Amino acid sequence: EGFDYDLLHAFADEKKLRLVMIPEMSFEKRLDGICSGAYDILATGTAI
């Protein structure tokens, strides 16, 4: 569970998508994963 997990799950359910959420402790690796296309969404609250 988790706020971001539950919130994105609600989005995925409405859009009839299967959510696969990968935990990654390194901010740099999370960012690299989004930039490379390994992940679609960085789903943890990130300061703008």
All heavy atoms as atom14 arrays in JSON, in Angstrom:
{
  "sequence": "EGFDYDLLHAFADEKKLRLVMIPEMSFEKRLDGICSGAYDILATGTAI",
  "atom14_mask": [
    [1, 1, 1, 1, 1, 1, 1, 1, 1, 0, 0, 0, 0, 0],
    [1, 1, 1, 1, 0, 0, 0, 0, 0, 0, 0, 0, 0, 0],
    [1, 1, 1, 1, 1, 1, 1, 1, 1, 1, 1, 0, 0, 0],
    [1, 1, 1, 1, 1, 1, 1, 1, 0, 0, 0, 0, 0, 0],
    [1, 1, 1, 1, 1, 1, 1, 1, 1, 1, 1, 1, 0, 0],
    [1, 1, 1, 1, 1, 1, 1, 1, 0, 0, 0, 0, 0, 0],
    [1, 1, 1, 1, 1, 1, 1, 1, 0, 0, 0, 0, 0, 0],
    [1, 1, 1, 1, 1, 1, 1, 1, 0, 0, 0, 0, 0, 0],
    [1, 1, 1, 1, 1, 1, 1, 1, 1, 1, 0, 0, 0, 0],
    [1, 1, 1, 1, 1, 0, 0, 0, 0, 0, 0, 0, 0, 0],
    [1, 1, 1, 1, 1, 1, 1, 1, 1, 1, 1, 0, 0, 0],
    [1, 1, 1, 1, 1, 0, 0, 0, 0, 0, 0, 0, 0, 0],
    [1, 1, 1, 1, 1, 1, 1, 1, 0, 0, 0, 0, 0, 0],
    [1, 1, 1, 1, 1, 1, 1, 1, 1, 0, 0, 0, 0, 0],
    [1, 1, 1, 1, 1, 1, 1, 1, 1, 0, 0, 0, 0, 0],
    [1, 1, 1, 1, 1, 1, 1, 1, 1, 0, 0, 0, 0, 0],
    [1, 1, 1, 1, 1, 1, 1, 1, 0, 0, 0, 0, 0, 0],
    [1, 1, 1, 1, 1, 1, 1, 1, 1, 1, 1, 0, 0, 0],
    [1, 1, 1, 1, 1, 1, 1, 1, 0, 0, 0, 0, 0, 0],
    [1, 1, 1, 1, 1, 1, 1, 0, 0, 0, 0, 0, 0, 0],
    [1, 1, 1, 1, 1, 1, 1, 1, 0, 0, 0, 0, 0, 0],
    [1, 1, 1, 1, 1, 1, 1, 1, 0, 0, 0, 0, 0, 0],
    [1, 1, 1, 1, 1, 1, 1, 0, 0, 0, 0, 0, 0, 0],
    [1, 1, 1, 1, 1, 1, 1, 1, 1, 0, 0, 0, 0, 0],
    [1, 1, 1, 1, 1, 1, 1, 1, 0, 0, 0, 0, 0, 0],
    [1, 1, 1, 1, 1, 1, 0, 0, 0, 0, 0, 0, 0, 0],
    [1, 1, 1, 1, 1, 1, 1, 1, 1, 1, 1, 0, 0, 0],
    [1, 1, 1, 1, 1, 1, 1, 1, 1, 0, 0, 0, 0, 0],
    [1, 1, 1, 1, 1, 1, 1, 1, 1, 0, 0, 0, 0, 0],
    [1, 1, 1, 1, 1, 1, 1, 1, 1, 1, 1, 0, 0, 0],
    [1, 1, 1, 1, 1, 1, 1, 1, 0, 0, 0, 0, 0, 0],
    [1, 1, 1, 1, 1, 1, 1, 1, 0, 0, 0, 0, 0, 0],
    [1, 1, 1, 1, 0, 0, 0, 0, 0, 0, 0, 0, 0, 0],
    [1, 1, 1, 1, 1, 1, 1, 1, 0, 0, 0, 0, 0, 0],
    [1, 1, 1, 1, 1, 1, 0, 0, 0, 0, 0, 0, 0, 0],
    [1, 1, 1, 1, 1, 1, 0, 0, 0, 0, 0, 0, 0, 0],
    [1, 1, 1, 1, 0, 0, 0, 0, 0, 0, 0, 0, 0, 0],
    [1, 1, 1, 1, 1, 0, 0, 0, 0, 0, 0, 0, 0, 0],
    [1, 1, 1, 1, 1, 1, 1, 1, 1, 1, 1, 1, 0, 0],
    [1, 1, 1, 1, 1, 1, 1, 1, 0, 0, 0, 0, 0, 0],
    [1, 1, 1, 1, 1, 1, 1, 1, 0, 0, 0, 0, 0, 0],
    [1, 1, 1, 1, 1, 1, 1, 1, 0, 0, 0, 0, 0, 0],
    [1, 1, 1, 1, 1, 0, 0, 0, 0, 0, 0, 0, 0, 0],
    [1, 1, 1, 1, 1, 1, 1, 0, 0, 0, 0, 0, 0, 0],
    [1, 1, 1, 1, 0, 0, 0, 0, 0, 0, 0, 0, 0, 0],
    [1, 1, 1, 1, 1, 1, 1, 0, 0, 0, 0, 0, 0, 0],
    [1, 1, 1, 1, 1, 0, 0, 0, 0, 0, 0, 0, 0, 0],
    [1, 1, 1, 1, 1, 1, 1, 1, 0, 0, 0, 0, 0, 0]
  ],
  "atom14_positions": [
    [[0.84, -1.18, 0.0], [0.0, 0.0, 0.0], [0.88, 1.24, 0.0], [2.1, 1.16, 0.03], [-0.92, 0.01, 1.22], [-0.2, 0.07, 2.55], [-1.15, 0.11, 3.74], [-2.33, -0.21, 3.57], [-0.68, 0.48, 4.83], [0.0, 0.0, 0.0], [0.0, 0.0, 0.0], [0.0, 0.0, 0.0], [0.0, 0.0, 0.0], [0.0, 0.0, 0.0]],
    [[0.25, 2.38, -0.03], [0.95, 3.66, -0.04], [0.09, 4.69, -0.74], [-0.74, 4.35, -1.59], [0.0, 0.0, 0.0], [0.0, 0.0, 0.0], [0.0, 0.0, 0.0], [0.0, 0.0, 0.0], [0.0, 0.0, 0.0], [0.0, 0.0, 0.0], [0.0, 0.0, 0.0], [0.0, 0.0, 0.0], [0.0, 0.0, 0.0], [0.0, 0.0, 0.0]],
    [[0.27, 5.94, -0.4], [-0.54, 6.99, -0.99], [-0.38, 7.04, -2.5], [-1.37, 7.03, -3.25], [-0.17, 8.35, -0.37], [-0.89, 9.52, -1.0], [-2.22, 9.76, -0.73], [-0.21, 10.38, -1.86], [-2.89, 10.83, -1.31], [-0.86, 11.46, -2.45], [-2.21, 11.68, -2.18], [0.0, 0.0, 0.0], [0.0, 0.0, 0.0], [0.0, 0.0, 0.0]],
    [[0.87, 7.08, -2.97], [1.09, 7.13, -4.42], [0.64, 5.85, -5.1], [0.07, 5.88, -6.2], [2.57, 7.41, -4.71], [3.0, 8.79, -4.26], [2.49, 9.78, -4.82], [3.81, 8.89, -3.33], [0.0, 0.0, 0.0], [0.0, 0.0, 0.0], [0.0, 0.0, 0.0], [0.0, 0.0, 0.0], [0.0, 0.0, 0.0], [0.0, 0.0, 0.0]],
    [[0.9, 4.72, -4.45], [0.49, 3.42, -5.0], [-1.03, 3.35, -5.14], [-1.55, 2.99, -6.21], [1.0, 2.3, -4.1], [0.56, 0.91, -4.52], [1.16, 0.27, -5.59], [-0.45, 0.25, -3.82], [0.75, -1.0, -5.97], [-0.85, -1.01, -4.19], [-0.26, -1.65, -5.27], [-0.67, -2.9, -5.63], [0.0, 0.0, 0.0], [0.0, 0.0, 0.0]],
    [[-1.74, 3.69, -4.09], [-3.2, 3.62, -4.13], [-3.8, 4.62, -5.12], [-4.77, 4.31, -5.82], [-3.79, 3.88, -2.73], [-3.47, 2.76, -1.74], [-3.06, 1.68, -2.2], [-3.62, 2.98, -0.53], [0.0, 0.0, 0.0], [0.0, 0.0, 0.0], [0.0, 0.0, 0.0], [0.0, 0.0, 0.0], [0.0, 0.0, 0.0], [0.0, 0.0, 0.0]],
    [[-3.21, 5.82, -5.16], [-3.73, 6.85, -6.05], [-3.53, 6.45, -7.51], [-4.46, 6.56, -8.33], [-3.02, 8.17, -5.77], [-3.51, 9.4, -6.53], [-4.99, 9.68, -6.26], [-2.68, 10.63, -6.14], [0.0, 0.0, 0.0], [0.0, 0.0, 0.0], [0.0, 0.0, 0.0], [0.0, 0.0, 0.0], [0.0, 0.0, 0.0], [0.0, 0.0, 0.0]],
    [[-2.34, 5.97, -7.85], [-2.09, 5.57, -9.24], [-2.88, 4.32, -9.6], [-3.29, 4.15, -10.75], [-0.6, 5.35, -9.46], [-0.16, 5.16, -10.92], [-0.64, 6.32, -11.79], [1.35, 5.01, -11.02], [0.0, 0.0, 0.0], [0.0, 0.0, 0.0], [0.0, 0.0, 0.0], [0.0, 0.0, 0.0], [0.0, 0.0, 0.0], [0.0, 0.0, 0.0]],
    [[-3.13, 3.46, -8.61], [-3.94, 2.27, -8.84], [-5.36, 2.68, -9.24], [-5.98, 2.05, -10.12], [-3.98, 1.39, -7.6], [-3.76, -0.06, -7.89], [-4.56, -0.78, -8.75], [-2.81, -0.93, -7.45], [-4.14, -2.02, -8.82], [-3.06, -2.14, -8.05], [0.0, 0.0, 0.0], [0.0, 0.0, 0.0], [0.0, 0.0, 0.0], [0.0, 0.0, 0.0]],
    [[-5.89, 3.72, -8.61], [-7.23, 4.19, -8.95], [-7.27, 4.69, -10.4], [-8.24, 4.44, -11.13], [-7.65, 5.31, -7.99], [0.0, 0.0, 0.0], [0.0, 0.0, 0.0], [0.0, 0.0, 0.0], [0.0, 0.0, 0.0], [0.0, 0.0, 0.0], [0.0, 0.0, 0.0], [0.0, 0.0, 0.0], [0.0, 0.0, 0.0], [0.0, 0.0, 0.0]],
    [[-6.21, 5.38, -10.83], [-6.12, 5.83, -12.22], [-6.08, 4.64, -13.16], [-6.82, 4.57, -14.16], [-4.88, 6.71, -12.4], [-4.58, 7.05, -13.83], [-5.26, 8.08, -14.47], [-3.61, 6.34, -14.55], [-4.98, 8.4, -15.8], [-3.33, 6.66, -15.87], [-4.01, 7.69, -16.5], [0.0, 0.0, 0.0], [0.0, 0.0, 0.0], [0.0, 0.0, 0.0]],
    [[-5.2, 3.68, -12.85], [-5.05, 2.51, -13.72], [-6.34, 1.7, -13.81], [-6.73, 1.23, -14.89], [-3.91, 1.63, -13.2], [0.0, 0.0, 0.0], [0.0, 0.0, 0.0], [0.0, 0.0, 0.0], [0.0, 0.0, 0.0], [0.0, 0.0, 0.0], [0.0, 0.0, 0.0], [0.0, 0.0, 0.0], [0.0, 0.0, 0.0], [0.0, 0.0, 0.0]],
    [[-7.04, 1.54, -12.69], [-8.3, 0.8, -12.69], [-9.33, 1.47, -13.58], [-10.04, 0.8, -14.35], [-8.85, 0.67, -11.26], [-8.06, -0.32, -10.43], [-7.26, -1.09, -11.0], [-8.22, -0.32, -9.19], [0.0, 0.0, 0.0], [0.0, 0.0, 0.0], [0.0, 0.0, 0.0], [0.0, 0.0, 0.0], [0.0, 0.0, 0.0], [0.0, 0.0, 0.0]],
    [[-9.45, 2.79, -13.48], [-10.43, 3.5, -14.3], [-10.1, 3.37, -15.78], [-11.01, 3.26, -16.62], [-10.48, 4.97, -13.91], [-11.51, 5.76, -14.71], [-11.65, 7.2, -14.27], [-11.84, 7.42, -13.05], [-11.57, 8.08, -15.13], [0.0, 0.0, 0.0], [0.0, 0.0, 0.0], [0.0, 0.0, 0.0], [0.0, 0.0, 0.0], [0.0, 0.0, 0.0]],
    [[-8.81, 3.38, -16.1], [-8.39, 3.3, -17.51], [-8.23, 1.86, -17.99], [-7.82, 1.63, -19.13], [-7.07, 4.04, -17.7], [-7.1, 5.49, -17.23], [-8.15, 6.31, -17.96], [-8.13, 7.76, -17.51], [-9.17, 8.58, -18.17], [0.0, 0.0, 0.0], [0.0, 0.0, 0.0], [0.0, 0.0, 0.0], [0.0, 0.0, 0.0], [0.0, 0.0, 0.0]],
    [[-8.56, 0.9, -17.11], [-8.45, -0.52, -17.43], [-7.02, -0.91, -17.83], [-6.8, -1.65, -18.8], [-9.46, -0.9, -18.52], [-10.91, -0.75, -18.07], [-11.88, -1.11, -19.15], [-13.31, -1.2, -18.62], [-13.73, -0.08, -17.77], [0.0, 0.0, 0.0], [0.0, 0.0, 0.0], [0.0, 0.0, 0.0], [0.0, 0.0, 0.0], [0.0, 0.0, 0.0]],
    [[-6.08, -0.41, -17.06], [-4.68, -0.74, -17.25], [-4.18, -1.56, -16.07], [-4.65, -1.37, -14.94], [-3.83, 0.54, -17.36], [-4.13, 1.47, -18.53], [-3.39, 2.79, -18.35], [-3.75, 0.82, -19.85], [0.0, 0.0, 0.0], [0.0, 0.0, 0.0], [0.0, 0.0, 0.0], [0.0, 0.0, 0.0], [0.0, 0.0, 0.0], [0.0, 0.0, 0.0]],
    [[-3.23, -2.43, -16.31], [-2.62, -3.18, -15.22], [-1.41, -2.4, -14.75], [-0.49, -2.13, -15.52], [-2.21, -4.59, -15.68], [-1.61, -5.43, -14.56], [-1.64, -6.91, -14.9], [-0.86, -7.21, -16.08], [0.43, -7.51, -16.07], [1.1, -7.52, -14.92], [1.07, -7.79, -17.18], [0.0, 0.0, 0.0], [0.0, 0.0, 0.0], [0.0, 0.0, 0.0]],
    [[-1.41, -2.04, -13.47], [-0.32, -1.25, -12.9], [0.8, -2.16, -12.42], [0.57, -3.08, -11.64], [-0.83, -0.4, -11.74], [0.24, 0.4, -10.97], [0.92, 1.43, -11.88], [-0.38, 1.07, -9.75], [0.0, 0.0, 0.0], [0.0, 0.0, 0.0], [0.0, 0.0, 0.0], [0.0, 0.0, 0.0], [0.0, 0.0, 0.0], [0.0, 0.0, 0.0]],
    [[2.01, -1.88, -12.87], [3.21, -2.53, -12.35], [4.08, -1.42, -11.76], [4.54, -0.53, -12.46], [3.98, -3.29, -13.44], [5.28, -3.85, -12.87], [3.12, -4.4, -14.02], [0.0, 0.0, 0.0], [0.0, 0.0, 0.0], [0.0, 0.0, 0.0], [0.0, 0.0, 0.0], [0.0, 0.0, 0.0], [0.0, 0.0, 0.0], [0.0, 0.0, 0.0]],
    [[4.27, -1.46, -10.45], [4.99, -0.4, -9.75], [6.28, -0.96, -9.18], [6.27, -1.92, -8.41], [4.12, 0.19, -8.64], [4.43, 1.62, -8.28], [3.01, 2.36, -7.42], [3.54, 4.07, -7.29], [0.0, 0.0, 0.0], [0.0, 0.0, 0.0], [0.0, 0.0, 0.0], [0.0, 0.0, 0.0], [0.0, 0.0, 0.0], [0.0, 0.0, 0.0]],
    [[7.39, -0.36, -9.57], [8.72, -0.84, -9.18], [9.31, 0.08, -8.12], [9.45, 1.28, -8.34], [9.67, -0.88, -10.39], [9.05, -1.64, -11.56], [11.01, -1.48, -9.99], [8.72, -3.08, -11.26], [0.0, 0.0, 0.0], [0.0, 0.0, 0.0], [0.0, 0.0, 0.0], [0.0, 0.0, 0.0], [0.0, 0.0, 0.0], [0.0, 0.0, 0.0]],
    [[9.67, -0.43, -6.93], [10.35, 0.4, -5.93], [11.83, 0.55, -6.25], [12.5, -0.44, -6.56], [10.13, -0.37, -4.62], [9.99, -1.79, -5.05], [9.37, -1.78, -6.42], [0.0, 0.0, 0.0], [0.0, 0.0, 0.0], [0.0, 0.0, 0.0], [0.0, 0.0, 0.0], [0.0, 0.0, 0.0], [0.0, 0.0, 0.0], [0.0, 0.0, 0.0]],
    [[12.33, 1.77, -6.2], [13.74, 2.05, -6.47], [14.18, 3.14, -5.51], [13.64, 4.24, -5.51], [13.91, 2.5, -7.92], [15.29, 3.02, -8.26], [16.4, 2.03, -7.96], [16.42, 0.96, -8.59], [17.22, 2.34, -7.06], [0.0, 0.0, 0.0], [0.0, 0.0, 0.0], [0.0, 0.0, 0.0], [0.0, 0.0, 0.0], [0.0, 0.0, 0.0]],
    [[15.19, 2.85, -4.69], [15.6, 3.79, -3.65], [16.43, 4.95, -4.2], [16.46, 6.02, -3.63], [16.41, 3.06, -2.58], [15.62, 1.99, -1.82], [14.05, 2.6, -1.15], [14.64, 3.77, 0.07], [0.0, 0.0, 0.0], [0.0, 0.0, 0.0], [0.0, 0.0, 0.0], [0.0, 0.0, 0.0], [0.0, 0.0, 0.0], [0.0, 0.0, 0.0]],
    [[17.11, 4.75, -5.31], [17.99, 5.79, -5.87], [17.18, 6.78, -6.7], [16.55, 6.4, -7.68], [19.08, 5.15, -6.74], [19.74, 6.13, -7.53], [0.0, 0.0, 0.0], [0.0, 0.0, 0.0], [0.0, 0.0, 0.0], [0.0, 0.0, 0.0], [0.0, 0.0, 0.0], [0.0, 0.0, 0.0], [0.0, 0.0, 0.0], [0.0, 0.0, 0.0]],
    [[17.22, 8.06, -6.31], [16.54, 9.08, -7.09], [17.12, 9.14, -8.5], [16.38, 9.28, -9.49], [16.66, 10.45, -6.43], [16.02, 11.56, -7.21], [14.66, 11.81, -7.11], [16.78, 12.35, -8.07], [14.06, 12.82, -7.86], [16.2, 13.36, -8.82], [14.83, 13.6, -8.7], [0.0, 0.0, 0.0], [0.0, 0.0, 0.0], [0.0, 0.0, 0.0]],
    [[18.43, 9.02, -8.61], [19.09, 9.09, -9.92], [18.61, 7.97, -10.83], [18.34, 8.19, -12.02], [20.6, 9.01, -9.73], [21.39, 9.16, -11.02], [22.88, 9.17, -10.8], [23.32, 8.85, -9.67], [23.61, 9.51, -11.74], [0.0, 0.0, 0.0], [0.0, 0.0, 0.0], [0.0, 0.0, 0.0], [0.0, 0.0, 0.0], [0.0, 0.0, 0.0]],
    [[18.46, 6.76, -10.28], [18.0, 5.63, -11.09], [16.54, 5.79, -11.47], [16.12, 5.38, -12.57], [18.24, 4.31, -10.35], [19.71, 3.93, -10.24], [19.9, 2.62, -9.51], [21.37, 2.26, -9.4], [21.59, 1.0, -8.66], [0.0, 0.0, 0.0], [0.0, 0.0, 0.0], [0.0, 0.0, 0.0], [0.0, 0.0, 0.0], [0.0, 0.0, 0.0]],
    [[15.73, 6.37, -10.57], [14.34, 6.61, -10.92], [14.26, 7.59, -12.1], [13.51, 7.38, -13.05], [13.57, 7.17, -9.72], [13.38, 6.19, -8.58], [12.3, 6.63, -7.6], [12.59, 7.88, -6.92], [13.23, 7.98, -5.76], [13.69, 6.87, -5.17], [13.43, 9.16, -5.18], [0.0, 0.0, 0.0], [0.0, 0.0, 0.0], [0.0, 0.0, 0.0]],
    [[15.04, 8.65, -12.01], [15.04, 9.65, -13.07], [15.56, 9.07, -14.38], [14.97, 9.29, -15.45], [15.9, 10.84, -12.64], [15.97, 12.03, -13.61], [14.57, 12.6, -13.84], [16.9, 13.1, -13.07], [0.0, 0.0, 0.0], [0.0, 0.0, 0.0], [0.0, 0.0, 0.0], [0.0, 0.0, 0.0], [0.0, 0.0, 0.0], [0.0, 0.0, 0.0]],
    [[16.64, 8.3, -14.31], [17.19, 7.66, -15.51], [16.16, 6.72, -16.14], [16.06, 6.63, -17.38], [18.46, 6.89, -15.18], [19.66, 7.8, -14.91], [19.56, 9.0, -15.22], [20.66, 7.32, -14.35], [0.0, 0.0, 0.0], [0.0, 0.0, 0.0], [0.0, 0.0, 0.0], [0.0, 0.0, 0.0], [0.0, 0.0, 0.0], [0.0, 0.0, 0.0]],
    [[15.41, 6.02, -15.3], [14.41, 5.09, -15.8], [13.3, 5.79, -16.56], [12.78, 5.27, -17.56], [0.0, 0.0, 0.0], [0.0, 0.0, 0.0], [0.0, 0.0, 0.0], [0.0, 0.0, 0.0], [0.0, 0.0, 0.0], [0.0, 0.0, 0.0], [0.0, 0.0, 0.0], [0.0, 0.0, 0.0], [0.0, 0.0, 0.0], [0.0, 0.0, 0.0]],
    [[12.9, 6.96, -16.09], [11.87, 7.74, -16.8], [12.44, 8.27, -18.11], [11.8, 8.19, -19.17], [11.37, 8.9, -15.93], [10.65, 8.38, -14.69], [10.45, 9.82, -16.73], [9.37, 7.62, -14.99], [0.0, 0.0, 0.0], [0.0, 0.0, 0.0], [0.0, 0.0, 0.0], [0.0, 0.0, 0.0], [0.0, 0.0, 0.0], [0.0, 0.0, 0.0]],
    [[13.64, 8.8, -18.07], [14.24, 9.4, -19.27], [14.52, 8.35, -20.34], [14.43, 8.63, -21.54], [15.53, 10.13, -18.9], [15.26, 11.6, -17.87], [0.0, 0.0, 0.0], [0.0, 0.0, 0.0], [0.0, 0.0, 0.0], [0.0, 0.0, 0.0], [0.0, 0.0, 0.0], [0.0, 0.0, 0.0], [0.0, 0.0, 0.0], [0.0, 0.0, 0.0]],
    [[14.87, 7.13, -19.92], [15.19, 6.07, -20.89], [13.95, 5.36, -21.41], [14.02, 4.64, -22.42], [16.12, 5.05, -20.24], [15.44, 4.31, -19.24], [0.0, 0.0, 0.0], [0.0, 0.0, 0.0], [0.0, 0.0, 0.0], [0.0, 0.0, 0.0], [0.0, 0.0, 0.0], [0.0, 0.0, 0.0], [0.0, 0.0, 0.0], [0.0, 0.0, 0.0]],
    [[12.82, 5.51, -20.73], [11.6, 4.82, -21.14], [11.37, 3.5, -20.43], [10.42, 2.78, -20.75], [0.0, 0.0, 0.0], [0.0, 0.0, 0.0], [0.0, 0.0, 0.0], [0.0, 0.0, 0.0], [0.0, 0.0, 0.0], [0.0, 0.0, 0.0], [0.0, 0.0, 0.0], [0.0, 0.0, 0.0], [0.0, 0.0, 0.0], [0.0, 0.0, 0.0]],
    [[12.21, 3.16, -19.45], [11.99, 1.92, -18.69], [10.7, 2.01, -17.88], [10.03, 1.0, -17.64], [13.17, 1.65, -17.76], [0.0, 0.0, 0.0], [0.0, 0.0, 0.0], [0.0, 0.0, 0.0], [0.0, 0.0, 0.0], [0.0, 0.0, 0.0], [0.0, 0.0, 0.0], [0.0, 0.0, 0.0], [0.0, 0.0, 0.0], [0.0, 0.0, 0.0]],
    [[10.34, 3.23, -17.44], [9.12, 3.47, -16.68], [8.33, 4.6, -17.35], [8.92, 5.48, -18.0], [9.42, 3.86, -15.24], [10.42, 2.97, -14.55], [11.68, 3.47, -14.18], [10.14, 1.63, -14.28], [12.61, 2.66, -13.55], [11.07, 0.82, -13.65], [12.3, 1.33, -13.29], [13.21, 0.53, -12.67], [0.0, 0.0, 0.0], [0.0, 0.0, 0.0]],
    [[7.03, 4.57, -17.14], [6.17, 5.61, -17.72], [5.96, 6.78, -16.77], [5.82, 7.92, -17.22], [4.8, 5.01, -18.08], [4.92, 3.82, -19.02], [5.6, 3.94, -20.05], [4.33, 2.76, -18.72], [0.0, 0.0, 0.0], [0.0, 0.0, 0.0], [0.0, 0.0, 0.0], [0.0, 0.0, 0.0], [0.0, 0.0, 0.0], [0.0, 0.0, 0.0]],
    [[5.91, 6.5, -15.47], [5.59, 7.53, -14.49], [6.53, 7.43, -13.29], [6.77, 6.33, -12.77], [4.13, 7.39, -13.99], [3.15, 7.49, -15.14], [3.81, 8.46, -12.94], [1.7, 7.25, -14.73], [0.0, 0.0, 0.0], [0.0, 0.0, 0.0], [0.0, 0.0, 0.0], [0.0, 0.0, 0.0], [0.0, 0.0, 0.0], [0.0, 0.0, 0.0]],
    [[7.03, 8.57, -12.86], [7.74, 8.67, -11.58], [6.68, 8.98, -10.53], [6.28, 10.12, -10.34], [8.8, 9.75, -11.63], [9.54, 10.08, -10.32], [10.15, 8.83, -9.71], [10.6, 11.13, -10.54], [0.0, 0.0, 0.0], [0.0, 0.0, 0.0], [0.0, 0.0, 0.0], [0.0, 0.0, 0.0], [0.0, 0.0, 0.0], [0.0, 0.0, 0.0]],
    [[6.2, 7.93, -9.87], [5.02, 8.04, -8.99], [5.43, 8.11, -7.53], [5.05, 7.26, -6.72], [4.06, 6.89, -9.24], [0.0, 0.0, 0.0], [0.0, 0.0, 0.0], [0.0, 0.0, 0.0], [0.0, 0.0, 0.0], [0.0, 0.0, 0.0], [0.0, 0.0, 0.0], [0.0, 0.0, 0.0], [0.0, 0.0, 0.0], [0.0, 0.0, 0.0]],
    [[6.21, 9.1, -7.21], [6.47, 9.45, -5.82], [6.57, 10.96, -5.78], [7.05, 11.58, -6.73], [7.77, 8.79, -5.29], [7.87, 8.96, -3.88], [9.0, 9.34, -5.96], [0.0, 0.0, 0.0], [0.0, 0.0, 0.0], [0.0, 0.0, 0.0], [0.0, 0.0, 0.0], [0.0, 0.0, 0.0], [0.0, 0.0, 0.0], [0.0, 0.0, 0.0]],
    [[6.05, 11.56, -4.74], [6.02, 13.02, -4.68], [7.4, 13.62, -4.84], [8.27, 13.4, -4.0], [0.0, 0.0, 0.0], [0.0, 0.0, 0.0], [0.0, 0.0, 0.0], [0.0, 0.0, 0.0], [0.0, 0.0, 0.0], [0.0, 0.0, 0.0], [0.0, 0.0, 0.0], [0.0, 0.0, 0.0], [0.0, 0.0, 0.0], [0.0, 0.0, 0.0]],
    [[7.61, 14.35, -5.92], [8.91, 14.94, -6.24], [8.77, 16.45, -6.27], [7.85, 16.98, -6.92], [9.42, 14.43, -7.59], [9.51, 13.0, -7.55], [10.79, 15.01, -7.92], [0.0, 0.0, 0.0], [0.0, 0.0, 0.0], [0.0, 0.0, 0.0], [0.0, 0.0, 0.0], [0.0, 0.0, 0.0], [0.0, 0.0, 0.0], [0.0, 0.0, 0.0]],
    [[9.66, 17.15, -5.58], [9.59, 18.6, -5.54], [9.78, 19.18, -6.94], [10.71, 18.81, -7.65], [10.64, 19.15, -4.58], [0.0, 0.0, 0.0], [0.0, 0.0, 0.0], [0.0, 0.0, 0.0], [0.0, 0.0, 0.0], [0.0, 0.0, 0.0], [0.0, 0.0, 0.0], [0.0, 0.0, 0.0], [0.0, 0.0, 0.0], [0.0, 0.0, 0.0]],
    [[8.9, 20.11, -7.3], [9.01, 20.77, -8.6], [9.96, 21.94, -8.46], [9.66, 22.93, -7.78], [7.63, 21.26, -9.09], [6.65, 20.09, -9.18], [7.76, 21.94, -10.44], [5.23, 20.51, -9.56], [0.0, 0.0, 0.0], [0.0, 0.0, 0.0], [0.0, 0.0, 0.0], [0.0, 0.0, 0.0], [0.0, 0.0, 0.0], [0.0, 0.0, 0.0]]
  ]
}
